[in-house]
Amino acid sequence: MAPVKDGRGKSLLTDREREVFELLVQDKTTKEIASQLFVSEKTVRNHISNVMKKLNVKGRSQAVVELVRLGEITI
């Protein structure tokens, strides 16, 4: 399924945000995600926080559920 586009035809997530959440649904820790993507743990947390703000949700699992519902990621 193709990612959901916003009103301007762009995906809701950046490529990096998508990478972070795809690893998150694989049950990877923040530390493991940071290591795999060659970024700091703080950067991973920032990406997660940015997505949660975009979706107006309060937690990682809520964000995952919403992203799956929107077709942005698959489990």
Protein backbone atom coordinates (compact mmCIF):
# COMPACT_ATOMS: atom_id res chain seq x y z
CA MET A 1 0.00 0.00 0.00
CA ALA A 2 1.36 3.43 -0.92
CA PRO A 3 1.95 5.96 1.86
CA VAL A 4 -0.85 8.43 2.56
CA LYS A 5 -0.30 11.81 0.96
CA ASP A 6 -1.21 15.12 2.53
CA GLY A 7 -3.04 17.88 0.65
CA ARG A 8 0.15 18.78 -1.26
CA GLY A 9 0.74 15.21 -2.44
CA LYS A 10 3.52 14.57 0.07
CA SER A 11 3.74 11.65 2.47
CA LEU A 12 2.87 12.31 6.10
CA LEU A 13 6.25 10.91 7.24
CA THR A 14 9.75 11.80 6.18
CA ASP A 15 11.86 8.92 4.92
CA ARG A 16 13.80 8.88 8.19
CA GLU A 17 10.66 8.92 10.34
CA ARG A 18 9.37 5.96 8.34
CA GLU A 19 12.66 4.10 8.88
CA VAL A 20 12.48 4.73 12.63
CA PHE A 21 8.89 3.48 12.90
CA GLU A 22 9.54 0.46 10.68
CA LEU A 23 12.29 -0.56 13.10
CA LEU A 24 10.11 0.28 16.09
CA VAL A 25 7.41 -2.14 14.94
CA GLN A 26 10.14 -4.80 14.67
CA ASP A 27 10.47 -4.43 18.46
CA LYS A 28 13.82 -2.63 18.25
CA THR A 29 14.85 -0.44 21.18
CA THR A 30 15.73 3.22 20.80
CA LYS A 31 19.38 2.26 21.25
CA GLU A 32 19.19 -0.45 18.56
CA ILE A 33 17.44 1.91 16.13
CA ALA A 34 20.05 4.62 16.73
CA SER A 35 22.86 2.15 16.14
CA GLN A 36 21.33 0.75 12.97
CA LEU A 37 20.64 4.20 11.50
CA PHE A 38 23.97 5.71 12.66
CA VAL A 39 22.29 8.49 14.67
CA SER A 40 22.06 9.31 18.37
CA GLU A 41 19.34 7.96 20.63
CA LYS A 42 18.18 11.57 21.11
CA THR A 43 17.68 11.89 17.34
CA VAL A 44 15.57 8.72 17.33
CA ARG A 45 13.46 10.08 20.21
CA ASN A 46 13.08 13.39 18.33
CA HIS A 47 11.79 11.59 15.22
CA ILE A 48 9.30 9.63 17.33
CA SER A 49 8.19 12.79 19.13
CA ASN A 50 7.76 14.67 15.82
CA VAL A 51 5.55 11.90 14.44
CA MET A 52 3.48 11.81 17.63
CA LYS A 53 2.90 15.57 17.28
CA LYS A 54 1.92 15.20 13.60
CA LEU A 55 -0.61 12.51 14.53
CA ASN A 56 -1.75 14.25 17.73
CA VAL A 57 -1.23 11.09 19.81
CA LYS A 58 0.31 10.62 23.23
CA GLY A 59 2.45 7.51 22.90
CA ARG A 60 4.55 5.39 20.60
CA SER A 61 2.03 2.58 20.44
CA GLN A 62 -0.79 4.99 19.62
CA ALA A 63 1.40 6.43 16.87
CA VAL A 64 2.07 2.95 15.46
CA VAL A 65 -1.65 2.10 15.46
CA GLU A 66 -2.48 5.36 13.68
CA LEU A 67 0.31 4.95 11.12
CA VAL A 68 -0.88 1.43 10.30
CA ARG A 69 -4.47 2.69 10.04
CA LEU A 70 -3.35 5.44 7.66
CA GLY A 71 -1.34 2.99 5.57
CA GLU A 72 1.97 4.75 6.33
CA ILE A 73 3.59 1.60 7.73
CA THR A 74 2.77 -2.10 7.84
CA ILE A 75 3.31 -4.60 10.62
